[in-house]
Amino acid sequence: MRIAVTATPMDTVRAVDPECVAAVNHMAERLAEMGHIVEEAAPELDVAAFDKANLDAWCSFLADAVLGASAQLGVQASREHLEATTLACVEYGKTLSAFDIYAADRVFNQTTRAVAGFLTRYDVLLTPTTSTPPIPLGHLDADDASLSAREWYDRIFDYGSFTALFNVTGMPAISLPPAESAAGLPIGIQFAGRHGDEATLLALAGDLERAMPWADRRPAVHAGR
């Protein structure tokens, strides 16, 4: 199997915690030991355009849903019913035109084709799942009234910068928990594959779980204690 590895965000702007980079590099080494062809590579993307399109699609959908629910229920969308960042996204979504949504759709199409073309050369792409180990409770506070729609988007995707791409392209991706931080927190490893090729990801996940089992590992604090 030919595997592409990237341990840094494809926009090279968002920082990745060294422990997440080390986890990906260690996984790449294990995969090479298992006989896979492992190369450092990433699809070429216009990430600024992708983020703008993702923000616009997200907020326009949210605005439509909230305004539709408001009309059906006969209530005004407000802080009484919604968190602050939801309202911020709704207000931003209301400013968008049909041209903005068509532009977002065009970027999504271009992005999907770029990633699909990249994956004609590789079976899977290996990345961290998130940019850091698990973050403190409250860092992603959806009721933070100081954040604009874009600031809330950036707050989320500074952390989850590797997953949004596959939500948009529809390509299968799987997150595995084979690594942990020095503090004993889980570090996710993401594998993404070609359209409709979930079987390759599941087979690879099974091979890895047999080679480096993680089922018995527990963090110091978890729901079972």
Foldseek 3Di string as FASTA:
>chain_A
DEEEEDAAFLVNPQAFDPQQSVVRVVVQVVVVVVPYHYYHDDFHAPVVLLLQLVLQVVLLVLLVVVVVVCVVVVHDDDVVPDAQLSVLSNVVNVPDDPVSNVSSVVRLVVLLVRVQVVQVVGFKYKYWQWRYFDDDPPQLPRNPNVDHNSRSSCSVCSTRVPPVSCVSNVWDKDWDFLDADPQQTTTIMMMTGHRPPVVVVVVVVVVVCVVRPDPPRDGPDDPVD
